[in-house]
Amino acid sequence: MFIIIIVNFIVGGLVGLTGVAGFLLPMLYVSLGYNVREALALSFFAFLVCGIIGSINYYKHKQLDISFGTKLGISSFIGAVLGVYLNSMINDSAVKILLYMVVLLSGISILLRKDKENLESRTPNTTAVVIMGIITAAICALSGAGGPILVMPLLVILGIGVRQAVATALFDSIFIAVPSVIGYLNGNFSKTLLTVLAVSSFFHGIGVFLGSRYSVKVNQLIIKRSVTVISIFVALYKLFM
């Protein structure tokens, strides 16, 4: 429990700051002996808390466009439902491999991309946003990678500024988390699991609150790339060891 508390607090802070790192949670829970569905239920509940708290703070900083985020979120909700359904058709080993591959490829793409801190936002094409929402949410809900690690870099590619992309990705994670939590908690209502869920999400929420609150004062690019390098090594270790 101590490890779960510390990791959730740290990961929450990193997600609040940079929009990435949530994918570390399902890997943590699987490593601690939870089955895949339990790991995903715990992780997505934390992502739900994270999305709500982070969105509120970024909205206060005028970094979140609710209208645009809702359009993306609706398509992501549909994709998440699809992802949870697909998960039930795939064995645990395949889901684990998919998770590590998503983390690895996302980490490499973030590391290779040259973000600019002062990049100005422009509104992406609606069709592209809808397609992106469905596909990324399905992958996230299926693998447990979390929303921001896939959504945030794609939003930047589509023309959204870095900070606005982080804010939108956090908001979008709410729409991904809701059907995922419902799907993965189904049949997993043990007292022990619910206790871990409450404690982990509480400390994850504290980390997110602090990270998103002070994100405007921190160089996100340096932190993001540091997290990305660690993520790549962790994914490679899990895949080949």
C-alpha atoms as a PDB file:
ATOM      1  CA  MET A   1       0.000   0.000   0.000  1.00  0.00           C
ATOM      2  CA  PHE A   2       2.877   2.365   0.767  1.00  0.00           C
ATOM      3  CA  ILE A   3       4.300   1.829  -2.729  1.00  0.00           C
ATOM      4  CA  ILE A   4       0.862   2.416  -4.266  1.00  0.00           C
ATOM      5  CA  ILE A   5       0.428   5.681  -2.340  1.00  0.00           C
ATOM      6  CA  ILE A   6       3.872   7.059  -3.229  1.00  0.00           C
ATOM      7  CA  VAL A   7       3.701   6.086  -6.913  1.00  0.00           C
ATOM      8  CA  ASN A   8       0.170   7.471  -7.319  1.00  0.00           C
ATOM      9  CA  PHE A   9       1.196  10.774  -5.753  1.00  0.00           C
ATOM     10  CA  ILE A  10       4.287  11.107  -7.972  1.00  0.00           C
ATOM     11  CA  VAL A  11       2.526   9.971 -11.148  1.00  0.00           C
ATOM     12  CA  GLY A  12      -0.388  12.294 -10.394  1.00  0.00           C
ATOM     13  CA  GLY A  13       1.987  15.229 -10.071  1.00  0.00           C
ATOM     14  CA  LEU A  14       3.680  14.384 -13.357  1.00  0.00           C
ATOM     15  CA  VAL A  15       0.344  14.007 -15.148  1.00  0.00           C
ATOM     16  CA  GLY A  16      -0.799  17.359 -13.795  1.00  0.00           C
ATOM     17  CA  LEU A  17       2.402  18.983 -15.015  1.00  0.00           C
ATOM     18  CA  THR A  18       2.893  17.348 -18.405  1.00  0.00           C
ATOM     19  CA  GLY A  19      -0.150  15.266 -19.314  1.00  0.00           C
ATOM     20  CA  VAL A  20       1.904  12.055 -19.486  1.00  0.00           C
ATOM     21  CA  ALA A  21       2.918   9.344 -16.984  1.00  0.00           C
ATOM     22  CA  GLY A  22      -0.497   7.869 -16.173  1.00  0.00           C
ATOM     23  CA  PHE A  23       0.363   4.757 -18.192  1.00  0.00           C
ATOM     24  CA  LEU A  24       2.781   3.816 -15.404  1.00  0.00           C
ATOM     25  CA  LEU A  25      -0.120   2.933 -13.095  1.00  0.00           C
ATOM     26  CA  PRO A  26      -1.400  -0.225 -14.836  1.00  0.00           C
ATOM     27  CA  MET A  27       2.204  -1.446 -15.112  1.00  0.00           C
ATOM     28  CA  LEU A  28       2.602  -0.829 -11.365  1.00  0.00           C
ATOM     29  CA  TYR A  29      -0.524  -2.767 -10.431  1.00  0.00           C
ATOM     30  CA  VAL A  30       0.286  -5.686 -12.732  1.00  0.00           C
ATOM     31  CA  SER A  31       3.783  -5.840 -11.231  1.00  0.00           C
ATOM     32  CA  LEU A  32       2.237  -5.961  -7.736  1.00  0.00           C
ATOM     33  CA  GLY A  33       0.182  -9.018  -8.656  1.00  0.00           C
ATOM     34  CA  TYR A  34      -3.210  -7.591  -9.624  1.00  0.00           C
ATOM     35  CA  ASN A  35      -4.865  -9.165 -12.642  1.00  0.00           C
ATOM     36  CA  VAL A  36      -5.249  -7.031 -15.758  1.00  0.00           C
ATOM     37  CA  ARG A  37      -8.895  -6.051 -15.206  1.00  0.00           C
ATOM     38  CA  GLU A  38      -8.221  -5.062 -11.581  1.00  0.00           C
ATOM     39  CA  ALA A  39      -5.175  -3.066 -12.668  1.00  0.00           C
ATOM     40  CA  LEU A  40      -7.189  -1.271 -15.324  1.00  0.00           C
ATOM     41  CA  ALA A  41     -10.083  -0.554 -12.941  1.00  0.00           C
ATOM     42  CA  LEU A  42      -7.716   1.011 -10.397  1.00  0.00           C
ATOM     43  CA  SER A  43      -5.851   2.966 -13.062  1.00  0.00           C
ATOM     44  CA  PHE A  44      -8.870   4.366 -14.858  1.00  0.00           C
ATOM     45  CA  PHE A  45     -10.496   5.484 -11.628  1.00  0.00           C
ATOM     46  CA  ALA A  46      -7.309   7.423 -10.914  1.00  0.00           C
ATOM     47  CA  PHE A  47      -7.462   8.827 -14.459  1.00  0.00           C
ATOM     48  CA  LEU A  48     -11.042   9.945 -13.791  1.00  0.00           C
ATOM     49  CA  VAL A  49     -10.006  11.809 -10.643  1.00  0.00           C
ATOM     50  CA  CYS A  50      -6.994  13.156 -12.490  1.00  0.00           C
ATOM     51  CA  GLY A  51      -9.071  14.431 -15.405  1.00  0.00           C
ATOM     52  CA  ILE A  52     -11.565  16.240 -13.188  1.00  0.00           C
ATOM     53  CA  ILE A  53      -9.019  17.953 -10.949  1.00  0.00           C
ATOM     54  CA  GLY A  54      -6.595  18.767 -13.757  1.00  0.00           C
ATOM     55  CA  SER A  55      -9.332  20.173 -15.975  1.00  0.00           C
ATOM     56  CA  ILE A  56     -10.578  22.480 -13.233  1.00  0.00           C
ATOM     57  CA  ASN A  57      -7.126  23.905 -12.599  1.00  0.00           C
ATOM     58  CA  TYR A  58      -6.289  24.348 -16.284  1.00  0.00           C
ATOM     59  CA  TYR A  59      -9.681  25.975 -16.862  1.00  0.00           C
ATOM     60  CA  LYS A  60      -8.903  28.467 -14.108  1.00  0.00           C
ATOM     61  CA  HIS A  61      -5.646  29.242 -15.919  1.00  0.00           C
ATOM     62  CA  LYS A  62      -7.668  29.776 -19.134  1.00  0.00           C
ATOM     63  CA  GLN A  63      -5.881  26.933 -20.892  1.00  0.00           C
ATOM     64  CA  LEU A  64      -8.934  24.719 -21.502  1.00  0.00           C
ATOM     65  CA  ASP A  65     -11.481  25.186 -24.287  1.00  0.00           C
ATOM     66  CA  ILE A  66     -14.558  23.354 -22.959  1.00  0.00           C
ATOM     67  CA  SER A  67     -16.399  23.439 -26.295  1.00  0.00           C
ATOM     68  CA  PHE A  68     -13.549  21.855 -28.242  1.00  0.00           C
ATOM     69  CA  GLY A  69     -12.800  19.415 -25.421  1.00  0.00           C
ATOM     70  CA  THR A  70     -16.414  18.229 -25.344  1.00  0.00           C
ATOM     71  CA  LYS A  71     -16.404  17.475 -29.083  1.00  0.00           C
ATOM     72  CA  LEU A  72     -13.297  15.388 -28.648  1.00  0.00           C
ATOM     73  CA  GLY A  73     -14.673  13.840 -25.461  1.00  0.00           C
ATOM     74  CA  ILE A  74     -17.893  12.562 -27.026  1.00  0.00           C
ATOM     75  CA  SER A  75     -15.984  10.689 -29.716  1.00  0.00           C
ATOM     76  CA  SER A  76     -13.562   9.413 -27.070  1.00  0.00           C
ATOM     77  CA  PHE A  77     -16.457   8.064 -24.981  1.00  0.00           C
ATOM     78  CA  ILE A  78     -17.579   5.983 -27.953  1.00  0.00           C
ATOM     79  CA  GLY A  79     -14.045   4.756 -28.539  1.00  0.00           C
ATOM     80  CA  ALA A  80     -13.610   3.831 -24.863  1.00  0.00           C
ATOM     81  CA  VAL A  81     -16.754   1.688 -24.898  1.00  0.00           C
ATOM     82  CA  LEU A  82     -15.332  -0.118 -27.921  1.00  0.00           C
ATOM     83  CA  GLY A  83     -11.959  -0.556 -26.202  1.00  0.00           C
ATOM     84  CA  VAL A  84     -13.458  -2.105 -23.065  1.00  0.00           C
ATOM     85  CA  TYR A  85     -15.452  -4.519 -25.225  1.00  0.00           C
ATOM     86  CA  LEU A  86     -12.356  -5.525 -27.204  1.00  0.00           C
ATOM     87  CA  ASN A  87     -10.432  -6.085 -23.955  1.00  0.00           C
ATOM     88  CA  SER A  88     -12.907  -8.770 -22.924  1.00  0.00           C
ATOM     89  CA  MET A  89     -12.047 -10.687 -26.098  1.00  0.00           C
ATOM     90  CA  ILE A  90      -8.260 -10.659 -25.613  1.00  0.00           C
ATOM     91  CA  ASN A  91      -6.225 -12.639 -23.057  1.00  0.00           C
ATOM     92  CA  ASP A  92      -4.255 -10.901 -20.322  1.00  0.00           C
ATOM     93  CA  SER A  93      -0.831 -11.583 -21.856  1.00  0.00           C
ATOM     94  CA  ALA A  94      -1.797  -9.914 -25.120  1.00  0.00           C
ATOM     95  CA  VAL A  95      -3.184  -6.878 -23.263  1.00  0.00           C
ATOM     96  CA  LYS A  96       0.071  -6.512 -21.321  1.00  0.00           C
ATOM     97  CA  ILE A  97       2.133  -6.632 -24.505  1.00  0.00           C
ATOM     98  CA  LEU A  98      -0.184  -4.075 -26.128  1.00  0.00           C
ATOM     99  CA  LEU A  99       0.184  -1.774 -23.124  1.00  0.00           C
ATOM    100  CA  TYR A 100       3.986  -1.906 -23.237  1.00  0.00           C
ATOM    101  CA  MET A 101       4.028  -1.385 -27.007  1.00  0.00           C
ATOM    102  CA  VAL A 102       1.723   1.647 -26.758  1.00  0.00           C
ATOM    103  CA  VAL A 103       3.931   3.117 -24.031  1.00  0.00           C
ATOM    104  CA  LEU A 104       7.092   2.457 -26.037  1.00  0.00           C
ATOM    105  CA  LEU A 105       5.824   3.928 -29.321  1.00  0.00           C
ATOM    106  CA  SER A 106       4.193   6.914 -27.618  1.00  0.00           C
ATOM    107  CA  GLY A 107       7.358   7.615 -25.691  1.00  0.00           C
ATOM    108  CA  ILE A 108       9.496   7.507 -28.814  1.00  0.00           C
ATOM    109  CA  SER A 109       7.114   9.821 -30.684  1.00  0.00           C
ATOM    110  CA  ILE A 110       7.117  12.364 -27.849  1.00  0.00           C
ATOM    111  CA  LEU A 111      10.893  12.189 -27.545  1.00  0.00           C
ATOM    112  CA  LEU A 112      11.479  12.740 -31.272  1.00  0.00           C
ATOM    113  CA  ARG A 113       8.945  15.539 -31.661  1.00  0.00           C
ATOM    114  CA  LYS A 114      10.263  19.072 -31.246  1.00  0.00           C
ATOM    115  CA  ASP A 115       7.690  20.971 -29.207  1.00  0.00           C
ATOM    116  CA  LYS A 116       7.789  24.706 -28.795  1.00  0.00           C
ATOM    117  CA  GLU A 117       6.733  26.148 -25.471  1.00  0.00           C
ATOM    118  CA  ASN A 118       5.181  29.218 -27.104  1.00  0.00           C
ATOM    119  CA  LEU A 119       3.387  27.359 -29.897  1.00  0.00           C
ATOM    120  CA  GLU A 120       0.130  29.134 -30.721  1.00  0.00           C
ATOM    121  CA  SER A 121      -3.063  27.116 -30.965  1.00  0.00           C
ATOM    122  CA  ARG A 122      -5.285  26.746 -33.976  1.00  0.00           C
ATOM    123  CA  THR A 123      -8.571  24.847 -34.179  1.00  0.00           C
ATOM    124  CA  PRO A 124      -8.112  21.415 -35.811  1.00  0.00           C
ATOM    125  CA  ASN A 125     -10.459  19.966 -38.421  1.00  0.00           C
ATOM    126  CA  THR A 126     -13.562  18.502 -36.728  1.00  0.00           C
ATOM    127  CA  THR A 127     -13.476  15.254 -38.724  1.00  0.00           C
ATOM    128  CA  ALA A 128      -9.842  14.666 -37.772  1.00  0.00           C
ATOM    129  CA  VAL A 129     -10.677  15.305 -34.118  1.00  0.00           C
ATOM    130  CA  VAL A 130     -13.579  12.827 -34.109  1.00  0.00           C
ATOM    131  CA  ILE A 131     -11.538  10.096 -35.801  1.00  0.00           C
ATOM    132  CA  MET A 132      -8.637  10.713 -33.449  1.00  0.00           C
ATOM    133  CA  GLY A 133     -10.924  10.590 -30.413  1.00  0.00           C
ATOM    134  CA  ILE A 134     -12.467   7.244 -31.305  1.00  0.00           C
ATOM    135  CA  ILE A 135      -9.200   5.532 -32.223  1.00  0.00           C
ATOM    136  CA  THR A 136      -7.079   6.833 -29.329  1.00  0.00           C
ATOM    137  CA  ALA A 137      -9.802   6.176 -26.748  1.00  0.00           C
ATOM    138  CA  ALA A 138     -10.270   2.618 -27.993  1.00  0.00           C
ATOM    139  CA  ILE A 139      -6.527   1.967 -27.688  1.00  0.00           C
ATOM    140  CA  CYS A 140      -6.364   3.628 -24.263  1.00  0.00           C
ATOM    141  CA  ALA A 141      -9.370   1.778 -22.845  1.00  0.00           C
ATOM    142  CA  LEU A 142      -8.144  -1.522 -24.261  1.00  0.00           C
ATOM    143  CA  SER A 143      -4.545  -1.249 -23.066  1.00  0.00           C
ATOM    144  CA  GLY A 144      -4.785   0.980 -19.974  1.00  0.00           C
ATOM    145  CA  ALA A 145      -2.299   3.462 -21.384  1.00  0.00           C
ATOM    146  CA  GLY A 146      -4.376   6.402 -20.198  1.00  0.00           C
ATOM    147  CA  GLY A 147      -5.616   9.195 -22.431  1.00  0.00           C
ATOM    148  CA  PRO A 148      -3.056  12.017 -22.352  1.00  0.00           C
ATOM    149  CA  ILE A 149      -0.039  10.016 -23.509  1.00  0.00           C
ATOM    150  CA  LEU A 150      -1.722   9.421 -26.885  1.00  0.00           C
ATOM    151  CA  VAL A 151      -4.068  12.384 -27.155  1.00  0.00           C
ATOM    152  CA  MET A 152      -1.689  15.146 -26.057  1.00  0.00           C
ATOM    153  CA  PRO A 153       1.017  14.648 -28.738  1.00  0.00           C
ATOM    154  CA  LEU A 154      -1.601  14.217 -31.470  1.00  0.00           C
ATOM    155  CA  LEU A 155      -3.299  17.462 -30.456  1.00  0.00           C
ATOM    156  CA  VAL A 156       0.050  19.239 -30.753  1.00  0.00           C
ATOM    157  CA  ILE A 157       0.497  17.768 -34.225  1.00  0.00           C
ATOM    158  CA  LEU A 158      -2.974  19.058 -35.153  1.00  0.00           C
ATOM    159  CA  GLY A 159      -2.010  22.571 -34.102  1.00  0.00           C
ATOM    160  CA  ILE A 160      -2.947  22.877 -30.423  1.00  0.00           C
ATOM    161  CA  GLY A 161      -0.431  24.645 -28.165  1.00  0.00           C
ATOM    162  CA  VAL A 162       1.459  22.474 -25.675  1.00  0.00           C
ATOM    163  CA  ARG A 163      -0.268  23.712 -22.512  1.00  0.00           C
ATOM    164  CA  GLN A 164      -3.694  23.715 -24.176  1.00  0.00           C
ATOM    165  CA  ALA A 165      -3.021  20.193 -25.432  1.00  0.00           C
ATOM    166  CA  VAL A 166      -2.242  19.002 -21.904  1.00  0.00           C
ATOM    167  CA  ALA A 167      -5.428  20.633 -20.598  1.00  0.00           C
ATOM    168  CA  THR A 168      -7.589  19.160 -23.371  1.00  0.00           C
ATOM    169  CA  ALA A 169      -6.057  15.701 -22.967  1.00  0.00           C
ATOM    170  CA  LEU A 170      -6.789  15.740 -19.241  1.00  0.00           C
ATOM    171  CA  PHE A 171     -10.373  16.796 -19.900  1.00  0.00           C
ATOM    172  CA  ASP A 172     -10.689  14.092 -22.541  1.00  0.00           C
ATOM    173  CA  SER A 173      -9.467  11.471 -20.068  1.00  0.00           C
ATOM    174  CA  ILE A 174     -12.726  11.932 -18.142  1.00  0.00           C
ATOM    175  CA  PHE A 175     -14.709  10.693 -21.135  1.00  0.00           C
ATOM    176  CA  ILE A 176     -12.347   7.749 -21.569  1.00  0.00           C
ATOM    177  CA  ALA A 177     -12.294   6.854 -17.878  1.00  0.00           C
ATOM    178  CA  VAL A 178     -16.047   6.730 -17.198  1.00  0.00           C
ATOM    179  CA  PRO A 179     -16.932   3.749 -19.458  1.00  0.00           C
ATOM    180  CA  SER A 180     -13.582   2.123 -18.634  1.00  0.00           C
ATOM    181  CA  VAL A 181     -14.156   2.261 -14.869  1.00  0.00           C
ATOM    182  CA  ILE A 182     -17.680   0.893 -15.241  1.00  0.00           C
ATOM    183  CA  GLY A 183     -16.518  -1.888 -17.555  1.00  0.00           C
ATOM    184  CA  TYR A 184     -13.488  -3.015 -15.560  1.00  0.00           C
ATOM    185  CA  LEU A 185     -15.074  -2.721 -12.111  1.00  0.00           C
ATOM    186  CA  ASN A 186     -17.910  -4.971 -13.227  1.00  0.00           C
ATOM    187  CA  GLY A 187     -17.528  -8.125 -11.138  1.00  0.00           C
ATOM    188  CA  ASN A 188     -14.516  -6.736  -9.213  1.00  0.00           C
ATOM    189  CA  PHE A 189     -16.170  -5.246  -6.140  1.00  0.00           C
ATOM    190  CA  SER A 190     -14.044  -6.920  -3.474  1.00  0.00           C
ATOM    191  CA  LYS A 191     -13.566  -4.964  -0.253  1.00  0.00           C
ATOM    192  CA  THR A 192      -9.784  -5.007  -0.648  1.00  0.00           C
ATOM    193  CA  LEU A 193      -9.908  -3.671  -4.205  1.00  0.00           C
ATOM    194  CA  LEU A 194     -12.304  -0.871  -3.282  1.00  0.00           C
ATOM    195  CA  THR A 195     -10.061   0.131  -0.363  1.00  0.00           C
ATOM    196  CA  VAL A 196      -7.021   0.321  -2.638  1.00  0.00           C
ATOM    197  CA  LEU A 197      -9.100   2.245  -5.177  1.00  0.00           C
ATOM    198  CA  ALA A 198     -10.122   4.875  -2.611  1.00  0.00           C
ATOM    199  CA  VAL A 199      -6.657   5.337  -1.125  1.00  0.00           C
ATOM    200  CA  SER A 200      -4.760   5.353  -4.436  1.00  0.00           C
ATOM    201  CA  SER A 201      -7.144   7.781  -6.143  1.00  0.00           C
ATOM    202  CA  PHE A 202      -7.010  10.138  -3.152  1.00  0.00           C
ATOM    203  CA  PHE A 203      -3.227  10.491  -3.265  1.00  0.00           C
ATOM    204  CA  HIS A 204      -3.232  10.512  -7.056  1.00  0.00           C
ATOM    205  CA  GLY A 205      -5.683  13.403  -6.897  1.00  0.00           C
ATOM    206  CA  ILE A 206      -3.434  15.355  -4.543  1.00  0.00           C
ATOM    207  CA  GLY A 207      -0.532  14.915  -6.944  1.00  0.00           C
ATOM    208  CA  VAL A 208      -2.618  16.030  -9.911  1.00  0.00           C
ATOM    209  CA  PHE A 209      -3.914  19.062  -8.043  1.00  0.00           C
ATOM    210  CA  LEU A 210      -0.417  20.246  -7.153  1.00  0.00           C
ATOM    211  CA  GLY A 211       1.026  19.450 -10.582  1.00  0.00           C
ATOM    212  CA  SER A 212      -1.688  21.169 -12.600  1.00  0.00           C
ATOM    213  CA  ARG A 213      -1.824  24.139 -10.244  1.00  0.00           C
ATOM    214  CA  TYR A 214       1.863  24.945 -10.662  1.00  0.00           C
ATOM    215  CA  SER A 215       2.248  23.783 -14.264  1.00  0.00           C
ATOM    216  CA  VAL A 216       2.473  27.362 -15.564  1.00  0.00           C
ATOM    217  CA  LYS A 217       5.599  27.897 -13.464  1.00  0.00           C
ATOM    218  CA  VAL A 218       7.453  24.810 -14.654  1.00  0.00           C
ATOM    219  CA  ASN A 219       9.196  23.986 -17.916  1.00  0.00           C
ATOM    220  CA  GLN A 220       6.943  21.132 -19.013  1.00  0.00           C
ATOM    221  CA  LEU A 221       9.137  20.081 -21.913  1.00  0.00           C
ATOM    222  CA  ILE A 222      12.090  19.109 -19.721  1.00  0.00           C
ATOM    223  CA  ILE A 223       9.923  17.115 -17.319  1.00  0.00           C
ATOM    224  CA  LYS A 224       7.978  15.507 -20.157  1.00  0.00           C
ATOM    225  CA  ARG A 225      11.116  14.303 -21.905  1.00  0.00           C
ATOM    226  CA  SER A 226      12.554  12.977 -18.637  1.00  0.00           C
ATOM    227  CA  VAL A 227       9.392  10.970 -18.016  1.00  0.00           C
ATOM    228  CA  THR A 228       9.432   9.791 -21.626  1.00  0.00           C
ATOM    229  CA  VAL A 229      12.986   8.430 -21.406  1.00  0.00           C
ATOM    230  CA  ILE A 230      12.122   6.514 -18.241  1.00  0.00           C
ATOM    231  CA  SER A 231       8.951   5.204 -19.871  1.00  0.00           C
ATOM    232  CA  ILE A 232      10.815   3.883 -22.898  1.00  0.00           C
ATOM    233  CA  PHE A 233      13.273   1.981 -20.720  1.00  0.00           C
ATOM    234  CA  VAL A 234      10.482   0.547 -18.555  1.00  0.00           C
ATOM    235  CA  ALA A 235       8.522  -0.585 -21.622  1.00  0.00           C
ATOM    236  CA  LEU A 236      11.601  -2.212 -23.180  1.00  0.00           C
ATOM    237  CA  TYR A 237      12.390  -3.960 -19.900  1.00  0.00           C
ATOM    238  CA  LYS A 238       8.823  -5.323 -19.636  1.00  0.00           C
ATOM    239  CA  LEU A 239       8.806  -6.462 -23.248  1.00  0.00           C
ATOM    240  CA  PHE A 240      12.143  -8.252 -23.359  1.00  0.00           C
ATOM    241  CA  MET A 241      12.948  -9.314 -19.789  1.00  0.00           C
END
